[in-house]
Amino acid sequence: LTKHGMRTIDARAAVVSATVHADVPGEPRPSGGP
């Protein structure tokens, strides 16, 4: 949603790289989960 209304964009085109890892164990989180 923009000031000119809804706009459709290609999010994939901008992603150069993406990696995933787990959070440091023991750090408190609101969900209480991973």
PDB file of all heavy atoms in Angstrom:
ATOM      1  N   LEU A   1       0.842  -1.191   0.000  1.00  0.00           N
ATOM      2  CA  LEU A   1       0.000   0.000   0.000  1.00  0.00           C
ATOM      3  C   LEU A   1       0.879   1.242   0.000  1.00  0.00           C
ATOM      4  O   LEU A   1       1.702   1.433   0.887  1.00  0.00           O
ATOM      5  CB  LEU A   1      -0.908   0.002   1.229  1.00  0.00           C
ATOM      6  CG  LEU A   1      -1.878   1.190   1.360  1.00  0.00           C
ATOM      7  CD1 LEU A   1      -2.836   1.222   0.176  1.00  0.00           C
ATOM      8  CD2 LEU A   1      -2.625   1.118   2.678  1.00  0.00           C
ATOM      9  N   THR A   2       0.744   2.079  -0.998  1.00  0.00           N
ATOM     10  CA  THR A   2       1.492   3.328  -1.100  1.00  0.00           C
ATOM     11  C   THR A   2       0.509   4.494  -1.047  1.00  0.00           C
ATOM     12  O   THR A   2      -0.703   4.310  -1.021  1.00  0.00           O
ATOM     13  CB  THR A   2       2.288   3.380  -2.414  1.00  0.00           C
ATOM     14  OG1 THR A   2       1.368   3.543  -3.507  1.00  0.00           O
ATOM     15  CG2 THR A   2       3.088   2.095  -2.622  1.00  0.00           C
ATOM     16  N   LYS A   3       1.046   5.696  -1.059  1.00  0.00           N
ATOM     17  CA  LYS A   3       0.176   6.878  -1.035  1.00  0.00           C
ATOM     18  C   LYS A   3      -0.639   7.008  -2.306  1.00  0.00           C
ATOM     19  O   LYS A   3      -1.605   7.778  -2.355  1.00  0.00           O
ATOM     20  CB  LYS A   3       1.003   8.136  -0.797  1.00  0.00           C
ATOM     21  CG  LYS A   3       2.035   8.432  -1.873  1.00  0.00           C
ATOM     22  CD  LYS A   3       2.840   9.669  -1.521  1.00  0.00           C
ATOM     23  CE  LYS A   3       3.896   9.984  -2.570  1.00  0.00           C
ATOM     24  NZ  LYS A   3       4.684  11.197  -2.216  1.00  0.00           N
ATOM     25  N   HIS A   4      -0.248   6.247  -3.335  1.00  0.00           N
ATOM     26  CA  HIS A   4      -0.995   6.257  -4.591  1.00  0.00           C
ATOM     27  C   HIS A   4      -1.884   5.020  -4.720  1.00  0.00           C
ATOM     28  O   HIS A   4      -2.398   4.742  -5.805  1.00  0.00           O
ATOM     29  CB  HIS A   4      -0.034   6.326  -5.780  1.00  0.00           C
ATOM     30  CG  HIS A   4       0.843   7.540  -5.774  1.00  0.00           C
ATOM     31  ND1 HIS A   4       0.342   8.820  -5.884  1.00  0.00           N
ATOM     32  CD2 HIS A   4       2.198   7.669  -5.659  1.00  0.00           C
ATOM     33  CE1 HIS A   4       1.336   9.688  -5.852  1.00  0.00           C
ATOM     34  NE2 HIS A   4       2.472   9.028  -5.695  1.00  0.00           N
ATOM     35  N   GLY A   5      -2.042   4.270  -3.619  1.00  0.00           N
ATOM     36  CA  GLY A   5      -2.858   3.063  -3.648  1.00  0.00           C
ATOM     37  C   GLY A   5      -2.007   1.797  -3.638  1.00  0.00           C
ATOM     38  O   GLY A   5      -0.788   1.848  -3.435  1.00  0.00           O
ATOM     39  N   MET A   6      -2.643   0.662  -3.866  1.00  0.00           N
ATOM     40  CA  MET A   6      -1.918  -0.609  -3.881  1.00  0.00           C
ATOM     41  C   MET A   6      -1.015  -0.697  -5.108  1.00  0.00           C
ATOM     42  O   MET A   6      -1.405  -0.298  -6.214  1.00  0.00           O
ATOM     43  CB  MET A   6      -2.895  -1.782  -3.873  1.00  0.00           C
ATOM     44  CG  MET A   6      -3.742  -1.880  -2.613  1.00  0.00           C
ATOM     45  SD  MET A   6      -2.754  -2.129  -1.102  1.00  0.00           S
ATOM     46  CE  MET A   6      -2.025  -3.739  -1.427  1.00  0.00           C
ATOM     47  N   ARG A   7       0.191  -1.232  -4.873  1.00  0.00           N
ATOM     48  CA  ARG A   7       1.144  -1.395  -5.968  1.00  0.00           C
ATOM     49  C   ARG A   7       1.721  -2.798  -5.918  1.00  0.00           C
ATOM     50  O   ARG A   7       2.041  -3.306  -4.834  1.00  0.00           O
ATOM     51  CB  ARG A   7       2.257  -0.360  -5.871  1.00  0.00           C
ATOM     52  CG  ARG A   7       3.269  -0.451  -7.011  1.00  0.00           C
ATOM     53  CD  ARG A   7       4.168   0.757  -7.068  1.00  0.00           C
ATOM     54  NE  ARG A   7       5.056   0.696  -8.214  1.00  0.00           N
ATOM     55  CZ  ARG A   7       5.919   1.660  -8.537  1.00  0.00           C
ATOM     56  NH1 ARG A   7       5.982   2.755  -7.805  1.00  0.00           N
ATOM     57  NH2 ARG A   7       6.702   1.534  -9.596  1.00  0.00           N
ATOM     58  N   THR A   8       1.866  -3.434  -7.055  1.00  0.00           N
ATOM     59  CA  THR A   8       2.441  -4.776  -7.143  1.00  0.00           C
ATOM     60  C   THR A   8       3.905  -4.671  -7.533  1.00  0.00           C
ATOM     61  O   THR A   8       4.250  -3.980  -8.508  1.00  0.00           O
ATOM     62  CB  THR A   8       1.688  -5.623  -8.182  1.00  0.00           C
ATOM     63  OG1 THR A   8       0.311  -5.727  -7.796  1.00  0.00           O
ATOM     64  CG2 THR A   8       2.287  -7.015  -8.261  1.00  0.00           C
ATOM     65  N   ILE A   9       4.782  -5.342  -6.759  1.00  0.00           N
ATOM     66  CA  ILE A   9       6.216  -5.316  -7.056  1.00  0.00           C
ATOM     67  C   ILE A   9       6.754  -6.742  -7.042  1.00  0.00           C
ATOM     68  O   ILE A   9       6.191  -7.626  -6.380  1.00  0.00           O
ATOM     69  CB  ILE A   9       7.002  -4.454  -6.039  1.00  0.00           C
ATOM     70  CG1 ILE A   9       6.851  -5.005  -4.617  1.00  0.00           C
ATOM     71  CG2 ILE A   9       6.557  -3.007  -6.103  1.00  0.00           C
ATOM     72  CD1 ILE A   9       7.700  -4.275  -3.605  1.00  0.00           C
ATOM     73  N   ASP A  10       7.845  -6.952  -7.760  1.00  0.00           N
ATOM     74  CA  ASP A  10       8.518  -8.253  -7.786  1.00  0.00           C
ATOM     75  C   ASP A  10       9.601  -8.256  -6.711  1.00  0.00           C
ATOM     76  O   ASP A  10      10.683  -7.697  -6.899  1.00  0.00           O
ATOM     77  CB  ASP A  10       9.121  -8.508  -9.167  1.00  0.00           C
ATOM     78  CG  ASP A  10       9.887  -9.831  -9.247  1.00  0.00           C
ATOM     79  OD1 ASP A  10       9.748 -10.650  -8.312  1.00  0.00           O
ATOM     80  OD2 ASP A  10      10.608 -10.034 -10.236  1.00  0.00           O
ATOM     81  N   ALA A  11       9.301  -8.880  -5.577  1.00  0.00           N
ATOM     82  CA  ALA A  11      10.264  -8.899  -4.480  1.00  0.00           C
ATOM     83  C   ALA A  11      11.461  -9.797  -4.797  1.00  0.00           C
ATOM     84  O   ALA A  11      12.583  -9.524  -4.363  1.00  0.00           O
ATOM     85  CB  ALA A  11       9.590  -9.377  -3.196  1.00  0.00           C
ATOM     86  N   ARG A  12      11.240 -10.853  -5.561  1.00  0.00           N
ATOM     87  CA  ARG A  12      12.338 -11.795  -5.849  1.00  0.00           C
ATOM     88  C   ARG A  12      13.462 -11.136  -6.623  1.00  0.00           C
ATOM     89  O   ARG A  12      14.638 -11.446  -6.401  1.00  0.00           O
ATOM     90  CB  ARG A  12      11.792 -12.995  -6.643  1.00  0.00           C
ATOM     91  CG  ARG A  12      12.861 -13.994  -7.093  1.00  0.00           C
ATOM     92  CD  ARG A  12      13.558 -14.618  -5.912  1.00  0.00           C
ATOM     93  NE  ARG A  12      14.667 -15.475  -6.298  1.00  0.00           N
ATOM     94  CZ  ARG A  12      15.926 -15.068  -6.408  1.00  0.00           C
ATOM     95  NH1 ARG A  12      16.236 -13.772  -6.170  1.00  0.00           N
ATOM     96  NH2 ARG A  12      16.877 -15.898  -6.737  1.00  0.00           N
ATOM     97  N   ALA A  13      13.144 -10.221  -7.523  1.00  0.00           N
ATOM     98  CA  ALA A  13      14.162  -9.615  -8.378  1.00  0.00           C
ATOM     99  C   ALA A  13      15.218  -8.866  -7.578  1.00  0.00           C
ATOM    100  O   ALA A  13      16.366  -8.737  -8.018  1.00  0.00           O
ATOM    101  CB  ALA A  13      13.502  -8.676  -9.386  1.00  0.00           C
ATOM    102  N   ALA A  14      14.859  -8.378  -6.396  1.00  0.00           N
ATOM    103  CA  ALA A  14      15.796  -7.576  -5.605  1.00  0.00           C
ATOM    104  C   ALA A  14      16.657  -8.421  -4.672  1.00  0.00           C
ATOM    105  O   ALA A  14      17.671  -7.926  -4.160  1.00  0.00           O
ATOM    106  CB  ALA A  14      15.029  -6.549  -4.780  1.00  0.00           C
ATOM    107  N   VAL A  15      16.287  -9.677  -4.433  1.00  0.00           N
ATOM    108  CA  VAL A  15      17.021 -10.511  -3.475  1.00  0.00           C
ATOM    109  C   VAL A  15      18.279 -11.068  -4.135  1.00  0.00           C
ATOM    110  O   VAL A  15      18.208 -11.839  -5.088  1.00  0.00           O
ATOM    111  CB  VAL A  15      16.133 -11.655  -2.953  1.00  0.00           C
ATOM    112  CG1 VAL A  15      16.938 -12.583  -2.038  1.00  0.00           C
ATOM    113  CG2 VAL A  15      14.933 -11.096  -2.198  1.00  0.00           C
ATOM    114  N   VAL A  16      19.437 -10.665  -3.609  1.00  0.00           N
ATOM    115  CA  VAL A  16      20.723 -11.123  -4.132  1.00  0.00           C
ATOM    116  C   VAL A  16      21.104 -12.455  -3.505  1.00  0.00           C
ATOM    117  O   VAL A  16      21.538 -13.390  -4.183  1.00  0.00           O
ATOM    118  CB  VAL A  16      21.821 -10.076  -3.863  1.00  0.00           C
ATOM    119  CG1 VAL A  16      23.177 -10.573  -4.345  1.00  0.00           C
ATOM    120  CG2 VAL A  16      21.469  -8.750  -4.520  1.00  0.00           C
ATOM    121  N   SER A  17      20.951 -12.574  -2.199  1.00  0.00           N
ATOM    122  CA  SER A  17      21.274 -13.812  -1.489  1.00  0.00           C
ATOM    123  C   SER A  17      20.477 -13.865  -0.199  1.00  0.00           C
ATOM    124  O   SER A  17      20.034 -12.826   0.311  1.00  0.00           O
ATOM    125  CB  SER A  17      22.777 -13.901  -1.182  1.00  0.00           C
ATOM    126  OG  SER A  17      23.159 -12.856  -0.299  1.00  0.00           O
ATOM    127  N   ALA A  18      20.312 -15.074   0.334  1.00  0.00           N
ATOM    128  CA  ALA A  18      19.579 -15.246   1.585  1.00  0.00           C
ATOM    129  C   ALA A  18      20.061 -16.513   2.272  1.00  0.00           C
ATOM    130  O   ALA A  18      20.157 -17.573   1.649  1.00  0.00           O
ATOM    131  CB  ALA A  18      18.074 -15.326   1.330  1.00  0.00           C
ATOM    132  N   THR A  19      20.394 -16.396   3.536  1.00  0.00           N
ATOM    133  CA  THR A  19      20.826 -17.547   4.331  1.00  0.00           C
ATOM    134  C   THR A  19      20.039 -17.562   5.633  1.00  0.00           C
ATOM    135  O   THR A  19      19.574 -16.528   6.112  1.00  0.00           O
ATOM    136  CB  THR A  19      22.336 -17.501   4.640  1.00  0.00           C
ATOM    137  OG1 THR A  19      22.636 -16.264   5.327  1.00  0.00           O
ATOM    138  CG2 THR A  19      23.158 -17.570   3.363  1.00  0.00           C
ATOM    139  N   VAL A  20      19.916 -18.753   6.224  1.00  0.00           N
ATOM    140  CA  VAL A  20      19.113 -18.940   7.427  1.00  0.00           C
ATOM    141  C   VAL A  20      19.950 -19.625   8.495  1.00  0.00           C
ATOM    142  O   VAL A  20      20.741 -20.526   8.204  1.00  0.00           O
ATOM    143  CB  VAL A  20      17.867 -19.800   7.121  1.00  0.00           C
ATOM    144  CG1 VAL A  20      17.102 -20.135   8.403  1.00  0.00           C
ATOM    145  CG2 VAL A  20      16.953 -19.082   6.134  1.00  0.00           C
ATOM    146  N   HIS A  21      19.789 -19.175   9.739  1.00  0.00           N
ATOM    147  CA  HIS A  21      20.402 -19.871  10.863  1.00  0.00           C
ATOM    148  C   HIS A  21      19.512 -19.719  12.083  1.00  0.00           C
ATOM    149  O   HIS A  21      18.594 -18.884  12.112  1.00  0.00           O
ATOM    150  CB  HIS A  21      21.821 -19.360  11.152  1.00  0.00           C
ATOM    151  CG  HIS A  21      21.901 -17.895  11.449  1.00  0.00           C
ATOM    152  ND1 HIS A  21      21.781 -17.376  12.712  1.00  0.00           N
ATOM    153  CD2 HIS A  21      22.082 -16.824  10.624  1.00  0.00           C
ATOM    154  CE1 HIS A  21      21.900 -16.060  12.669  1.00  0.00           C
ATOM    155  NE2 HIS A  21      22.074 -15.695  11.421  1.00  0.00           N
ATOM    156  N   ALA A  22      19.771 -20.533  13.097  1.00  0.00           N
ATOM    157  CA  ALA A  22      18.970 -20.515  14.310  1.00  0.00           C
ATOM    158  C   ALA A  22      19.481 -19.462  15.270  1.00  0.00           C
ATOM    159  O   ALA A  22      20.672 -19.113  15.271  1.00  0.00           O
ATOM    160  CB  ALA A  22      18.995 -21.894  14.974  1.00  0.00           C
ATOM    161  N   ASP A  23      18.593 -18.956  16.101  1.00  0.00           N
ATOM    162  CA  ASP A  23      18.948 -17.981  17.117  1.00  0.00           C
ATOM    163  C   ASP A  23      19.824 -18.620  18.181  1.00  0.00           C
ATOM    164  O   ASP A  23      19.876 -19.851  18.325  1.00  0.00           O
ATOM    165  CB  ASP A  23      17.686 -17.414  17.759  1.00  0.00           C
ATOM    166  CG  ASP A  23      17.960 -16.157  18.576  1.00  0.00           C
ATOM    167  OD1 ASP A  23      19.053 -15.604  18.451  1.00  0.00           O
ATOM    168  OD2 ASP A  23      17.073 -15.747  19.327  1.00  0.00           O
ATOM    169  N   VAL A  24      20.513 -17.784  18.949  1.00  0.00           N
ATOM    170  CA  VAL A  24      21.355 -18.278  20.041  1.00  0.00           C
ATOM    171  C   VAL A  24      20.464 -18.945  21.086  1.00  0.00           C
ATOM    172  O   VAL A  24      19.512 -18.323  21.586  1.00  0.00           O
ATOM    173  CB  VAL A  24      22.145 -17.125  20.687  1.00  0.00           C
ATOM    174  CG1 VAL A  24      22.973 -17.637  21.851  1.00  0.00           C
ATOM    175  CG2 VAL A  24      23.045 -16.456  19.640  1.00  0.00           C
ATOM    176  N   PRO A  25      20.710 -20.212  21.440  1.00  0.00           N
ATOM    177  CA  PRO A  25      19.857 -20.890  22.424  1.00  0.00           C
ATOM    178  C   PRO A  25      19.868 -20.168  23.768  1.00  0.00           C
ATOM    179  O   PRO A  25      20.884 -19.616  24.196  1.00  0.00           O
ATOM    180  CB  PRO A  25      20.504 -22.285  22.542  1.00  0.00           C
ATOM    181  CG  PRO A  25      21.283 -22.461  21.275  1.00  0.00           C
ATOM    182  CD  PRO A  25      21.765 -21.083  20.916  1.00  0.00           C
ATOM    183  N   GLY A  26      18.712 -20.156  24.404  1.00  0.00           N
ATOM    184  CA  GLY A  26      18.621 -19.572  25.738  1.00  0.00           C
ATOM    185  C   GLY A  26      18.209 -18.131  25.757  1.00  0.00           C
ATOM    186  O   GLY A  26      17.851 -17.598  26.809  1.00  0.00           O
ATOM    187  N   GLU A  27      18.235 -17.442  24.603  1.00  0.00           N
ATOM    188  CA  GLU A  27      17.808 -16.036  24.582  1.00  0.00           C
ATOM    189  C   GLU A  27      16.284 -15.973  24.690  1.00  0.00           C
ATOM    190  O   GLU A  27      15.577 -16.634  23.920  1.00  0.00           O
ATOM    191  CB  GLU A  27      18.272 -15.352  23.298  1.00  0.00           C
ATOM    192  CG  GLU A  27      17.926 -13.875  23.251  1.00  0.00           C
ATOM    193  CD  GLU A  27      18.550 -13.171  22.052  1.00  0.00           C
ATOM    194  OE1 GLU A  27      19.548 -13.687  21.532  1.00  0.00           O
ATOM    195  OE2 GLU A  27      18.018 -12.120  21.657  1.00  0.00           O
ATOM    196  N   PRO A  28      15.750 -15.207  25.644  1.00  0.00           N
ATOM    197  CA  PRO A  28      14.297 -15.169  25.825  1.00  0.00           C
ATOM    198  C   PRO A  28      13.599 -14.534  24.623  1.00  0.00           C
ATOM    199  O   PRO A  28      14.062 -13.544  24.072  1.00  0.00           O
ATOM    200  CB  PRO A  28      14.120 -14.325  27.098  1.00  0.00           C
ATOM    201  CG  PRO A  28      15.362 -13.496  27.183  1.00  0.00           C
ATOM    202  CD  PRO A  28      16.460 -14.349  26.621  1.00  0.00           C
ATOM    203  N   ARG A  29      12.470 -15.124  24.234  1.00  0.00           N
ATOM    204  CA  ARG A  29      11.675 -14.640  23.128  1.00  0.00           C
ATOM    205  C   ARG A  29      10.219 -14.556  23.554  1.00  0.00           C
ATOM    206  O   ARG A  29       9.753 -15.380  24.338  1.00  0.00           O
ATOM    207  CB  ARG A  29      11.807 -15.577  21.926  1.00  0.00           C
ATOM    208  CG  ARG A  29      13.193 -15.588  21.292  1.00  0.00           C
ATOM    209  CD  ARG A  29      13.439 -14.340  20.485  1.00  0.00           C
ATOM    210  NE  ARG A  29      14.796 -14.305  19.926  1.00  0.00           N
ATOM    211  CZ  ARG A  29      15.258 -13.317  19.164  1.00  0.00           C
ATOM    212  NH1 ARG A  29      14.461 -12.295  18.884  1.00  0.00           N
ATOM    213  NH2 ARG A  29      16.481 -13.330  18.702  1.00  0.00           N
ATOM    214  N   PRO A  30       9.460 -13.575  23.036  1.00  0.00           N
ATOM    215  CA  PRO A  30       8.058 -13.431  23.429  1.00  0.00           C
ATOM    216  C   PRO A  30       7.236 -14.692  23.199  1.00  0.00           C
ATOM    217  O   PRO A  30       6.354 -15.018  23.990  1.00  0.00           O
ATOM    218  CB  PRO A  30       7.563 -12.279  22.548  1.00  0.00           C
ATOM    219  CG  PRO A  30       8.790 -11.468  22.275  1.00  0.00           C
ATOM    220  CD  PRO A  30       9.902 -12.465  22.168  1.00  0.00           C
ATOM    221  N   SER A  31       7.497 -15.420  22.112  1.00  0.00           N
ATOM    222  CA  SER A  31       6.706 -16.608  21.806  1.00  0.00           C
ATOM    223  C   SER A  31       7.071 -17.787  22.687  1.00  0.00           C
ATOM    224  O   SER A  31       6.294 -18.725  22.824  1.00  0.00           O
ATOM    225  CB  SER A  31       6.885 -17.005  20.341  1.00  0.00           C
ATOM    226  OG  SER A  31       8.174 -17.564  20.129  1.00  0.00           O
ATOM    227  N   GLY A  32       8.278 -17.741  23.281  1.00  0.00           N
ATOM    228  CA  GLY A  32       8.746 -18.874  24.057  1.00  0.00           C
ATOM    229  C   GLY A  32       9.192 -20.041  23.210  1.00  0.00           C
ATOM    230  O   GLY A  32       9.562 -21.104  23.730  1.00  0.00           O
ATOM    231  N   GLY A  33       9.161 -19.888  21.892  1.00  0.00           N
ATOM    232  CA  GLY A  33       9.529 -20.967  20.992  1.00  0.00           C
ATOM    233  C   GLY A  33      10.822 -20.681  20.256  1.00  0.00           C
ATOM    234  O   GLY A  33      11.631 -19.840  20.671  1.00  0.00           O
ATOM    235  N   PRO A  34      11.040 -21.348  19.127  1.00  0.00           N
ATOM    236  CA  PRO A  34      12.270 -21.151  18.353  1.00  0.00           C
ATOM    237  C   PRO A  34      12.268 -19.799  17.652  1.00  0.00           C
ATOM    238  O   PRO A  34      11.248 -19.100  17.600  1.00  0.00           O
ATOM    239  CB  PRO A  34      12.225 -22.298  17.341  1.00  0.00           C
ATOM    240  CG  PRO A  34      10.756 -22.525  17.130  1.00  0.00           C
ATOM    241  CD  PRO A  34      10.120 -22.300  18.487  1.00  0.00           C
TER     242      PRO A  34
END
